[in-house]
Structure formats: C-alpha cells, structure tokens
C-alpha cells in the first residue's frame, strides 16, 4: 500500500478502547472515513475473565481481537477497500488470524489490510490517530448501559457477541493451526 492507494478508496479504521488485559470493559469498533458510519461491540470484564479462565486468552489477545474484528466486518465486506487496524495487539498475528477466519471468503482477500503504524509510515505523519479511537470509547462506555441512557448522544450500531460465539471461532482457529 502506498499514498496513492488511499486516494478515492473507501477506508475503514478499527480500534479498541481499553485493551483486553485491562481490568475493565472493552469496546471494539470500526468507523468509515468518508461516511462516518460506525459499528461496534463490547466485551464485559466478566466475559474477559471467563474467556481467560477457560481458553487462556491472556496468552493470545491478538486472536481475541481478530475474532472481534471478524464479527464486526463479516457482513460489511462490500463497504470498504482498505482496512486499517490499530496496533493495540501485534498486527501480524491479528492479520494471520483474520486470514484464517475469512478463509474461503474471496471478498475479504481482495481488501488491503494494514496497520495504523504502516499508515503513519506511508503518510509521513507520525501523529496520525485512528479515526475509530473515539467511537470505540463510546461503545465501551455506552453498550452496557440501560437502553434509556444509551439513547442519548451518539446512536450505537451494535453487534451482539457472547461467550459461545467467541469460543466457536477460537476453536476453529485452533483446528486450522493444529493442521499446519
């Protein structure tokens, strides 16, 4: 990817608010650059502890991040050309896990997937931030509030995610990694 590739393309940024290792709720969201469309999900601290206990997710937060990204974008693959993933977890592992999760999905492999660090390198702007940074924070804070409180401010476009969904994708990745 180079600077010319960004011109005229539909760019989606994905970011996380509160890393998985932090003892707080975590929000993961995407934001489209040109349209400001966004979608996000929240993982409660209780769910993170349960996943840590049963899957040892603490040893591989990149996989958990990739699973969250998968659920966020799987139905929106036609909305973007370039996916910029924030470097909250090691990007190369996240990208590898995304490739596994999307195996057989031709539309995904036509996309350019890059890290925010690479975008900074390309643009020459070392201070560039993810466009999804603020919106991920909003999802983290508001998604676990009562419905009446959620209706104030930015309206949320949430994805439901639960323990069973994460475990299913975790084991799917395990199966493919064990074959390799």
N, C-alpha and C. Protein backbone atom coordinates (compact mmCIF):
# COMPACT_ATOMS: atom_id res chain seq x y z
N UNK A 1 0.85 -1.18 0.00
CA UNK A 1 0.00 0.00 0.00
C UNK A 1 0.89 1.23 0.00
N UNK A 2 0.53 2.21 -0.83
CA UNK A 2 1.24 3.49 -0.82
C UNK A 2 0.21 4.61 -0.75
N UNK A 3 0.70 5.85 -0.70
CA UNK A 3 -0.17 7.01 -0.51
C UNK A 3 -1.21 7.14 -1.61
N UNK A 4 -0.84 6.80 -2.86
CA UNK A 4 -1.78 6.89 -3.97
C UNK A 4 -2.94 5.90 -3.81
N UNK A 5 -2.68 4.77 -3.16
CA UNK A 5 -3.73 3.77 -2.94
C UNK A 5 -4.87 4.30 -2.07
N UNK A 6 -4.56 5.26 -1.20
CA UNK A 6 -5.57 5.79 -0.28
C UNK A 6 -6.55 6.73 -0.98
N UNK A 7 -6.12 7.35 -2.06
CA UNK A 7 -6.97 8.32 -2.75
C UNK A 7 -8.14 7.64 -3.44
N UNK A 8 -9.35 8.08 -3.10
CA UNK A 8 -10.54 7.57 -3.73
C UNK A 8 -11.01 6.21 -3.22
N UNK A 9 -10.31 5.64 -2.28
CA UNK A 9 -10.69 4.33 -1.75
C UNK A 9 -11.56 4.51 -0.50
N UNK A 10 -12.37 3.52 -0.24
CA UNK A 10 -13.20 3.51 0.96
C UNK A 10 -12.36 2.89 2.09
N UNK A 11 -12.03 3.71 3.08
CA UNK A 11 -11.12 3.29 4.15
C UNK A 11 -11.90 3.11 5.44
N UNK A 12 -11.67 1.97 6.08
CA UNK A 12 -12.29 1.64 7.36
C UNK A 12 -11.19 1.53 8.42
N UNK A 13 -11.38 2.22 9.53
CA UNK A 13 -10.45 2.11 10.66
C UNK A 13 -11.11 1.26 11.74
N UNK A 14 -10.33 0.40 12.38
CA UNK A 14 -10.80 -0.41 13.51
C UNK A 14 -9.91 -0.12 14.70
N UNK A 15 -10.54 0.09 15.85
CA UNK A 15 -9.78 0.39 17.06
C UNK A 15 -10.44 -0.24 18.27
N UNK A 16 -9.69 -0.26 19.35
CA UNK A 16 -10.13 -0.85 20.61
C UNK A 16 -10.00 0.20 21.69
N UNK A 17 -10.95 0.22 22.61
CA UNK A 17 -10.87 1.09 23.78
C UNK A 17 -10.74 0.20 25.00
N UNK A 18 -9.69 0.37 25.73
CA UNK A 18 -9.30 -0.50 26.86
C UNK A 18 -8.86 -1.85 26.33
N UNK A 19 -7.60 -2.10 26.46
CA UNK A 19 -7.05 -3.37 25.98
C UNK A 19 -7.66 -4.53 26.75
N UNK A 20 -7.57 -5.71 26.16
CA UNK A 20 -8.16 -6.89 26.78
C UNK A 20 -7.53 -7.21 28.12
N UNK A 21 -6.26 -6.90 28.29
CA UNK A 21 -5.59 -7.24 29.55
C UNK A 21 -5.99 -6.30 30.69
N UNK A 22 -6.62 -5.16 30.37
CA UNK A 22 -7.04 -4.24 31.42
C UNK A 22 -8.29 -4.77 32.12
N UNK A 23 -8.40 -4.47 33.37
CA UNK A 23 -9.48 -4.99 34.20
C UNK A 23 -10.72 -4.09 34.08
N UNK A 24 -11.18 -3.88 32.85
CA UNK A 24 -12.33 -3.03 32.57
C UNK A 24 -13.04 -3.57 31.33
N UNK A 25 -14.24 -3.05 31.06
CA UNK A 25 -14.93 -3.41 29.83
C UNK A 25 -14.12 -2.92 28.64
N UNK A 26 -14.24 -3.61 27.52
CA UNK A 26 -13.51 -3.27 26.30
C UNK A 26 -14.49 -3.02 25.17
N UNK A 27 -14.24 -1.98 24.40
CA UNK A 27 -15.05 -1.70 23.22
C UNK A 27 -14.18 -1.84 21.98
N UNK A 28 -14.73 -2.45 20.93
CA UNK A 28 -14.05 -2.57 19.64
C UNK A 28 -15.03 -2.03 18.61
N UNK A 29 -14.54 -1.13 17.75
CA UNK A 29 -15.45 -0.50 16.79
C UNK A 29 -14.72 -0.18 15.50
N UNK A 30 -15.51 -0.04 14.43
CA UNK A 30 -14.95 0.47 13.19
C UNK A 30 -15.66 1.76 12.83
N UNK A 31 -14.96 2.56 12.02
CA UNK A 31 -15.53 3.80 11.51
C UNK A 31 -15.06 3.97 10.07
N UNK A 32 -16.01 4.24 9.20
CA UNK A 32 -15.69 4.53 7.80
C UNK A 32 -15.25 5.98 7.71
N UNK A 33 -14.17 6.24 6.98
CA UNK A 33 -13.61 7.58 6.92
C UNK A 33 -14.57 8.57 6.25
N UNK A 34 -15.02 8.28 5.05
CA UNK A 34 -15.81 9.26 4.30
C UNK A 34 -17.23 9.40 4.80
N UNK A 35 -17.84 8.32 5.22
CA UNK A 35 -19.26 8.37 5.59
C UNK A 35 -19.51 8.51 7.08
N UNK A 36 -18.48 8.33 7.89
CA UNK A 36 -18.59 8.34 9.35
C UNK A 36 -19.51 7.25 9.90
N UNK A 37 -19.85 6.28 9.07
CA UNK A 37 -20.63 5.13 9.52
C UNK A 37 -19.79 4.34 10.51
N UNK A 38 -20.42 3.83 11.56
CA UNK A 38 -19.67 3.08 12.55
C UNK A 38 -20.49 1.91 13.08
N UNK A 39 -19.77 0.95 13.63
CA UNK A 39 -20.39 -0.23 14.24
C UNK A 39 -19.42 -0.71 15.31
N UNK A 40 -19.96 -1.26 16.39
CA UNK A 40 -19.07 -1.70 17.46
C UNK A 40 -19.66 -2.80 18.31
N UNK A 41 -18.83 -3.28 19.20
CA UNK A 41 -19.25 -4.31 20.14
C UNK A 41 -18.54 -4.06 21.46
N UNK A 42 -19.08 -4.66 22.49
CA UNK A 42 -18.47 -4.54 23.80
C UNK A 42 -18.24 -5.90 24.41
N UNK A 43 -17.14 -6.02 25.10
CA UNK A 43 -16.84 -7.26 25.84
C UNK A 43 -16.68 -6.85 27.30
N UNK A 44 -17.55 -7.39 28.12
CA UNK A 44 -17.53 -7.03 29.53
C UNK A 44 -16.30 -7.62 30.20
N UNK A 45 -15.92 -7.03 31.30
CA UNK A 45 -14.79 -7.54 32.06
C UNK A 45 -15.08 -8.96 32.56
N UNK A 46 -16.32 -9.22 32.91
CA UNK A 46 -16.73 -10.56 33.36
C UNK A 46 -16.51 -11.59 32.25
N UNK A 47 -16.90 -11.25 31.02
CA UNK A 47 -16.70 -12.16 29.89
C UNK A 47 -15.21 -12.38 29.63
N UNK A 48 -14.42 -11.32 29.72
CA UNK A 48 -12.97 -11.46 29.51
C UNK A 48 -12.35 -12.40 30.54
N UNK A 49 -12.76 -12.28 31.80
CA UNK A 49 -12.24 -13.17 32.85
C UNK A 49 -12.63 -14.62 32.59
N UNK A 50 -13.87 -14.82 32.15
CA UNK A 50 -14.35 -16.17 31.84
C UNK A 50 -13.56 -16.77 30.68
N UNK A 51 -13.31 -15.97 29.64
CA UNK A 51 -12.52 -16.44 28.50
C UNK A 51 -11.09 -16.74 28.92
N UNK A 52 -10.52 -15.88 29.77
CA UNK A 52 -9.17 -16.12 30.29
C UNK A 52 -9.10 -17.44 31.04
N UNK A 53 -10.09 -17.67 31.85
CA UNK A 53 -10.11 -18.88 32.69
C UNK A 53 -10.25 -20.15 31.84
N UNK A 54 -11.10 -20.11 30.81
CA UNK A 54 -11.41 -21.33 30.06
C UNK A 54 -10.58 -21.52 28.78
N UNK A 55 -10.08 -20.43 28.22
CA UNK A 55 -9.33 -20.55 26.95
C UNK A 55 -7.89 -20.03 27.04
N UNK A 56 -7.49 -19.51 28.18
CA UNK A 56 -6.18 -18.86 28.30
C UNK A 56 -6.01 -17.76 27.26
N UNK A 57 -7.03 -16.92 27.12
CA UNK A 57 -6.95 -15.84 26.13
C UNK A 57 -5.84 -14.85 26.46
N UNK A 58 -5.45 -14.79 27.73
CA UNK A 58 -4.38 -13.88 28.14
C UNK A 58 -3.07 -14.15 27.42
N UNK A 59 -2.93 -15.37 26.94
CA UNK A 59 -1.71 -15.71 26.21
C UNK A 59 -1.80 -15.31 24.74
N UNK A 60 -3.00 -14.97 24.28
CA UNK A 60 -3.18 -14.67 22.86
C UNK A 60 -4.32 -13.66 22.62
N UNK A 61 -4.12 -12.45 23.11
CA UNK A 61 -5.14 -11.42 22.91
C UNK A 61 -5.28 -11.03 21.45
N UNK A 62 -4.27 -11.28 20.64
CA UNK A 62 -4.36 -10.99 19.20
C UNK A 62 -5.47 -11.80 18.57
N UNK A 63 -5.61 -13.03 19.01
CA UNK A 63 -6.65 -13.89 18.48
C UNK A 63 -8.04 -13.37 18.87
N UNK A 64 -8.17 -12.95 20.12
CA UNK A 64 -9.45 -12.40 20.58
C UNK A 64 -9.80 -11.12 19.81
N UNK A 65 -8.81 -10.28 19.57
CA UNK A 65 -9.00 -9.05 18.79
C UNK A 65 -9.46 -9.40 17.36
N UNK A 66 -8.81 -10.38 16.75
CA UNK A 66 -9.17 -10.80 15.39
C UNK A 66 -10.60 -11.35 15.35
N UNK A 67 -10.99 -12.09 16.36
CA UNK A 67 -12.35 -12.62 16.42
C UNK A 67 -13.36 -11.48 16.51
N UNK A 68 -13.07 -10.50 17.33
CA UNK A 68 -13.96 -9.32 17.43
C UNK A 68 -14.05 -8.60 16.09
N UNK A 69 -12.92 -8.40 15.43
CA UNK A 69 -12.90 -7.74 14.12
C UNK A 69 -13.71 -8.57 13.12
N UNK A 70 -13.55 -9.86 13.16
CA UNK A 70 -14.28 -10.75 12.25
C UNK A 70 -15.79 -10.51 12.38
N UNK A 71 -16.28 -10.53 13.61
CA UNK A 71 -17.72 -10.34 13.81
C UNK A 71 -18.17 -8.94 13.40
N UNK A 72 -17.30 -7.96 13.55
CA UNK A 72 -17.65 -6.59 13.17
C UNK A 72 -17.78 -6.42 11.66
N UNK A 73 -16.88 -7.02 10.90
CA UNK A 73 -16.84 -6.71 9.46
C UNK A 73 -17.38 -7.80 8.55
N UNK A 74 -17.69 -8.98 9.08
CA UNK A 74 -18.07 -10.10 8.21
C UNK A 74 -19.26 -9.79 7.31
N UNK A 75 -20.21 -8.99 7.76
CA UNK A 75 -21.37 -8.64 6.93
C UNK A 75 -21.19 -7.33 6.19
N UNK A 76 -20.05 -6.68 6.36
CA UNK A 76 -19.81 -5.37 5.76
C UNK A 76 -18.61 -5.36 4.82
N UNK A 77 -18.26 -6.50 4.26
CA UNK A 77 -17.08 -6.59 3.40
C UNK A 77 -17.21 -5.76 2.13
N UNK A 78 -18.42 -5.44 1.71
CA UNK A 78 -18.60 -4.64 0.50
C UNK A 78 -18.54 -3.14 0.76
N UNK A 79 -18.37 -2.74 2.01
CA UNK A 79 -18.39 -1.32 2.36
C UNK A 79 -17.02 -0.65 2.32
N UNK A 80 -15.93 -1.43 2.24
CA UNK A 80 -14.60 -0.83 2.30
C UNK A 80 -13.64 -1.50 1.32
N UNK A 81 -12.57 -0.76 1.01
CA UNK A 81 -11.50 -1.27 0.15
C UNK A 81 -10.22 -1.49 0.97
N UNK A 82 -10.01 -0.62 1.94
CA UNK A 82 -8.80 -0.68 2.77
C UNK A 82 -9.21 -0.74 4.24
N UNK A 83 -8.65 -1.69 4.97
CA UNK A 83 -8.92 -1.85 6.40
C UNK A 83 -7.66 -1.48 7.16
N UNK A 84 -7.78 -0.49 8.04
CA UNK A 84 -6.66 -0.06 8.89
C UNK A 84 -6.95 -0.54 10.30
N UNK A 85 -6.08 -1.40 10.82
CA UNK A 85 -6.27 -1.97 12.15
C UNK A 85 -5.28 -1.29 13.10
N UNK A 86 -5.80 -0.79 14.20
CA UNK A 86 -4.95 -0.14 15.20
C UNK A 86 -4.03 -1.18 15.83
N UNK A 87 -2.87 -0.75 16.24
CA UNK A 87 -1.85 -1.65 16.77
C UNK A 87 -2.01 -1.93 18.27
N UNK A 88 -3.23 -2.14 18.74
CA UNK A 88 -3.44 -2.45 20.15
C UNK A 88 -2.89 -3.83 20.50
N UNK A 89 -2.93 -4.72 19.54
CA UNK A 89 -2.33 -6.05 19.68
C UNK A 89 -1.39 -6.24 18.49
N UNK A 90 -0.42 -7.15 18.57
CA UNK A 90 0.54 -7.33 17.47
C UNK A 90 -0.17 -7.57 16.13
N UNK A 91 0.03 -6.66 15.20
CA UNK A 91 -0.71 -6.64 13.95
C UNK A 91 -0.52 -7.91 13.12
N UNK A 92 0.70 -8.40 13.02
CA UNK A 92 0.94 -9.56 12.17
C UNK A 92 0.14 -10.79 12.63
N UNK A 93 0.02 -10.97 13.94
CA UNK A 93 -0.80 -12.07 14.46
C UNK A 93 -2.28 -11.84 14.18
N UNK A 94 -2.73 -10.60 14.40
CA UNK A 94 -4.13 -10.27 14.13
C UNK A 94 -4.47 -10.55 12.67
N UNK A 95 -3.58 -10.13 11.78
CA UNK A 95 -3.81 -10.33 10.34
C UNK A 95 -3.83 -11.83 10.00
N UNK A 96 -2.91 -12.59 10.60
CA UNK A 96 -2.88 -14.04 10.35
C UNK A 96 -4.19 -14.69 10.80
N UNK A 97 -4.67 -14.31 11.97
CA UNK A 97 -5.92 -14.89 12.47
C UNK A 97 -7.10 -14.46 11.60
N UNK A 98 -7.11 -13.23 11.14
CA UNK A 98 -8.18 -12.77 10.24
C UNK A 98 -8.16 -13.58 8.94
N UNK A 99 -6.97 -13.85 8.42
CA UNK A 99 -6.86 -14.68 7.21
C UNK A 99 -7.45 -16.07 7.43
N UNK A 100 -7.22 -16.63 8.61
CA UNK A 100 -7.78 -17.95 8.93
C UNK A 100 -9.30 -17.86 9.03
N UNK A 101 -9.80 -16.87 9.75
CA UNK A 101 -11.24 -16.74 9.95
C UNK A 101 -11.99 -16.50 8.64
N UNK A 102 -11.36 -15.77 7.73
CA UNK A 102 -12.00 -15.45 6.46
C UNK A 102 -11.60 -16.40 5.34
N UNK A 103 -10.95 -17.52 5.66
CA UNK A 103 -10.53 -18.46 4.62
C UNK A 103 -11.76 -18.88 3.81
N UNK A 104 -11.62 -18.84 2.51
CA UNK A 104 -12.74 -19.18 1.63
C UNK A 104 -13.62 -17.98 1.28
N UNK A 105 -13.38 -16.84 1.90
CA UNK A 105 -14.18 -15.63 1.63
C UNK A 105 -13.39 -14.73 0.68
N UNK A 106 -13.64 -14.87 -0.60
CA UNK A 106 -12.89 -14.15 -1.64
C UNK A 106 -12.97 -12.63 -1.47
N UNK A 107 -14.12 -12.12 -1.05
CA UNK A 107 -14.28 -10.66 -0.91
C UNK A 107 -13.28 -10.09 0.09
N UNK A 108 -12.99 -10.82 1.16
CA UNK A 108 -12.04 -10.34 2.16
C UNK A 108 -10.63 -10.24 1.57
N UNK A 109 -10.25 -11.22 0.81
CA UNK A 109 -8.87 -11.26 0.30
C UNK A 109 -8.63 -10.25 -0.82
N UNK A 110 -9.66 -9.61 -1.31
CA UNK A 110 -9.50 -8.51 -2.27
C UNK A 110 -9.23 -7.18 -1.57
N UNK A 111 -9.32 -7.16 -0.25
CA UNK A 111 -9.13 -5.94 0.54
C UNK A 111 -7.66 -5.78 0.91
N UNK A 112 -7.28 -4.53 1.07
CA UNK A 112 -5.96 -4.22 1.61
C UNK A 112 -6.11 -4.11 3.12
N UNK A 113 -5.38 -4.92 3.86
CA UNK A 113 -5.42 -4.88 5.32
C UNK A 113 -4.07 -4.40 5.80
N UNK A 114 -4.08 -3.31 6.57
CA UNK A 114 -2.84 -2.71 7.00
C UNK A 114 -2.97 -2.23 8.44
N UNK A 115 -1.83 -1.91 9.03
CA UNK A 115 -1.82 -1.44 10.41
C UNK A 115 -1.76 0.09 10.44
N UNK A 116 -2.11 0.64 11.57
CA UNK A 116 -2.02 2.08 11.75
C UNK A 116 -0.56 2.53 11.67
N UNK A 117 0.35 1.71 12.16
CA UNK A 117 1.78 2.03 12.08
C UNK A 117 2.23 2.16 10.63
N UNK A 118 1.75 1.27 9.76
CA UNK A 118 2.08 1.32 8.33
C UNK A 118 1.49 2.59 7.70
N UNK A 119 0.27 2.95 8.10
CA UNK A 119 -0.35 4.17 7.59
C UNK A 119 0.47 5.40 7.99
N UNK A 120 0.96 5.40 9.20
CA UNK A 120 1.82 6.52 9.66
C UNK A 120 3.08 6.60 8.81
N UNK A 121 3.64 5.44 8.52
CA UNK A 121 4.86 5.37 7.71
C UNK A 121 4.59 5.90 6.30
N UNK A 122 3.49 5.50 5.70
CA UNK A 122 3.15 5.89 4.33
C UNK A 122 2.88 7.38 4.22
N UNK A 123 2.11 7.91 5.17
CA UNK A 123 1.73 9.32 5.11
C UNK A 123 2.84 10.24 5.61
N UNK A 124 3.77 9.70 6.37
CA UNK A 124 4.83 10.52 6.94
C UNK A 124 4.37 11.30 8.16
N UNK A 125 3.16 11.03 8.62
CA UNK A 125 2.60 11.71 9.77
C UNK A 125 2.63 10.76 10.97
N UNK A 126 3.62 10.94 11.83
CA UNK A 126 3.77 10.02 12.96
C UNK A 126 2.73 10.25 14.05
N UNK A 127 1.97 11.34 13.95
CA UNK A 127 0.96 11.66 14.96
C UNK A 127 -0.45 11.26 14.54
N UNK A 128 -0.60 10.64 13.37
CA UNK A 128 -1.93 10.26 12.90
C UNK A 128 -2.57 9.27 13.88
N UNK A 129 -3.85 9.49 14.18
CA UNK A 129 -4.57 8.62 15.09
C UNK A 129 -5.64 7.85 14.32
N UNK A 130 -6.10 6.79 14.93
CA UNK A 130 -7.18 6.02 14.33
C UNK A 130 -8.45 6.84 14.36
N UNK A 131 -9.19 6.83 13.27
CA UNK A 131 -10.46 7.54 13.21
C UNK A 131 -11.52 6.84 14.07
N UNK A 132 -11.26 5.59 14.43
CA UNK A 132 -12.22 4.83 15.23
C UNK A 132 -11.93 4.91 16.73
N UNK A 133 -10.90 5.65 17.12
CA UNK A 133 -10.49 5.71 18.52
C UNK A 133 -11.62 6.20 19.42
N UNK A 134 -12.18 7.36 19.11
CA UNK A 134 -13.24 7.93 19.96
C UNK A 134 -14.49 7.08 19.95
N UNK A 135 -14.86 6.56 18.80
CA UNK A 135 -16.10 5.79 18.70
C UNK A 135 -15.98 4.47 19.46
N UNK A 136 -14.79 3.87 19.50
CA UNK A 136 -14.58 2.65 20.29
C UNK A 136 -14.80 2.95 21.77
N UNK A 137 -14.36 4.11 22.21
CA UNK A 137 -14.58 4.52 23.60
C UNK A 137 -16.05 4.71 23.92
N UNK A 138 -16.78 5.25 22.97
CA UNK A 138 -18.22 5.44 23.17
C UNK A 138 -18.92 4.09 23.29
N UNK A 139 -18.57 3.15 22.43
CA UNK A 139 -19.16 1.81 22.52
C UNK A 139 -18.81 1.16 23.85
N UNK A 140 -17.56 1.29 24.28
CA UNK A 140 -17.15 0.70 25.56
C UNK A 140 -17.98 1.25 26.71
N UNK A 141 -18.20 2.56 26.71
CA UNK A 141 -18.92 3.19 27.82
C UNK A 141 -20.43 2.97 27.76
N UNK A 142 -21.01 3.05 26.56
CA UNK A 142 -22.46 3.06 26.46
C UNK A 142 -23.12 1.70 26.26
N UNK A 143 -22.40 0.73 25.74
CA UNK A 143 -23.03 -0.52 25.34
C UNK A 143 -23.60 -1.30 26.53
N UNK A 144 -23.05 -1.11 27.71
CA UNK A 144 -23.52 -1.84 28.88
C UNK A 144 -24.49 -1.02 29.73
N UNK A 145 -24.85 0.17 29.25
CA UNK A 145 -25.81 1.00 29.98
C UNK A 145 -27.24 0.57 29.67
N UNK A 146 -28.17 1.03 30.48
CA UNK A 146 -29.57 0.77 30.23
C UNK A 146 -29.97 1.42 28.91
N UNK A 147 -30.97 0.87 28.26
CA UNK A 147 -31.39 1.34 26.94
C UNK A 147 -31.73 2.84 26.97
N UNK A 148 -32.40 3.30 28.00
CA UNK A 148 -32.77 4.71 28.08
C UNK A 148 -31.54 5.61 28.07
N UNK A 149 -30.50 5.22 28.76
CA UNK A 149 -29.27 6.03 28.82
C UNK A 149 -28.52 5.97 27.50
N UNK A 150 -28.60 4.83 26.81
CA UNK A 150 -27.90 4.66 25.54
C UNK A 150 -28.47 5.56 24.45
N UNK A 151 -29.71 5.96 24.58
CA UNK A 151 -30.37 6.73 23.52
C UNK A 151 -29.89 8.16 23.46
N UNK A 152 -29.18 8.62 24.45
CA UNK A 152 -28.65 9.99 24.45
C UNK A 152 -27.32 10.01 23.71
N UNK A 153 -27.05 11.09 22.99
CA UNK A 153 -25.77 11.24 22.31
C UNK A 153 -25.69 10.42 21.03
N UNK A 154 -24.51 9.88 20.76
CA UNK A 154 -24.27 9.11 19.54
C UNK A 154 -25.08 7.82 19.56
N UNK A 155 -25.85 7.58 18.50
CA UNK A 155 -26.61 6.34 18.44
C UNK A 155 -25.67 5.19 18.09
N UNK A 156 -25.88 4.07 18.74
CA UNK A 156 -24.99 2.92 18.58
C UNK A 156 -25.54 1.94 17.54
N UNK A 157 -24.64 1.36 16.81
CA UNK A 157 -24.95 0.30 15.87
C UNK A 157 -24.16 -0.92 16.36
N UNK A 158 -24.77 -1.67 17.25
CA UNK A 158 -24.02 -2.71 17.97
C UNK A 158 -24.13 -4.09 17.33
N UNK A 159 -23.12 -4.87 17.58
CA UNK A 159 -23.07 -6.27 17.22
C UNK A 159 -23.13 -7.05 18.53
N UNK A 160 -24.01 -8.00 18.61
CA UNK A 160 -24.08 -8.84 19.80
C UNK A 160 -22.99 -9.91 19.70
N UNK A 161 -22.27 -10.07 20.78
CA UNK A 161 -21.23 -11.09 20.83
C UNK A 161 -21.31 -11.75 22.20
N UNK A 162 -21.09 -13.05 22.23
CA UNK A 162 -21.19 -13.75 23.51
C UNK A 162 -20.10 -14.81 23.63
N UNK A 163 -20.08 -15.45 24.77
CA UNK A 163 -19.06 -16.45 25.08
C UNK A 163 -19.04 -17.56 24.03
N UNK A 164 -20.21 -18.10 23.71
CA UNK A 164 -20.31 -19.23 22.77
C UNK A 164 -19.75 -18.86 21.40
N UNK A 165 -20.06 -17.66 20.91
CA UNK A 165 -19.58 -17.23 19.59
C UNK A 165 -18.05 -17.13 19.57
N UNK A 166 -17.49 -16.57 20.63
CA UNK A 166 -16.03 -16.41 20.70
C UNK A 166 -15.36 -17.78 20.78
N UNK A 167 -15.87 -18.66 21.63
CA UNK A 167 -15.28 -19.99 21.79
C UNK A 167 -15.33 -20.76 20.48
N UNK A 168 -16.44 -20.65 19.76
CA UNK A 168 -16.57 -21.35 18.48
C UNK A 168 -15.48 -20.92 17.49
N UNK A 169 -15.26 -19.61 17.37
CA UNK A 169 -14.22 -19.11 16.45
C UNK A 169 -12.82 -19.42 16.97
N UNK A 170 -12.64 -19.39 18.29
CA UNK A 170 -11.34 -19.71 18.90
C UNK A 170 -10.95 -21.14 18.53
N UNK A 171 -11.91 -22.06 18.67
CA UNK A 171 -11.64 -23.47 18.37
C UNK A 171 -11.45 -23.70 16.87
N UNK A 172 -12.15 -22.92 16.06
CA UNK A 172 -11.97 -23.01 14.60
C UNK A 172 -10.53 -22.64 14.23
N UNK A 173 -10.00 -21.61 14.84
CA UNK A 173 -8.60 -21.21 14.61
C UNK A 173 -7.67 -22.31 15.12
N UNK A 174 -7.94 -22.83 16.31
CA UNK A 174 -7.12 -23.91 16.87
C UNK A 174 -7.02 -25.10 15.91
N UNK A 175 -8.15 -25.49 15.36
CA UNK A 175 -8.19 -26.64 14.47
C UNK A 175 -7.30 -26.41 13.23
N UNK A 176 -7.37 -25.22 12.67
CA UNK A 176 -6.58 -24.91 11.48
C UNK A 176 -5.10 -24.81 11.82
N UNK A 177 -4.77 -24.24 12.98
CA UNK A 177 -3.37 -24.12 13.38
C UNK A 177 -2.75 -25.48 13.67
N UNK A 178 -3.54 -26.40 14.21
CA UNK A 178 -3.02 -27.75 14.51
C UNK A 178 -2.75 -28.55 13.25
N UNK A 179 -3.51 -28.26 12.18
CA UNK A 179 -3.28 -28.94 10.89
C UNK A 179 -1.98 -28.49 10.27
N UNK A 180 -1.63 -27.22 10.47
CA UNK A 180 -0.45 -26.64 9.83
C UNK A 180 0.85 -27.11 10.42
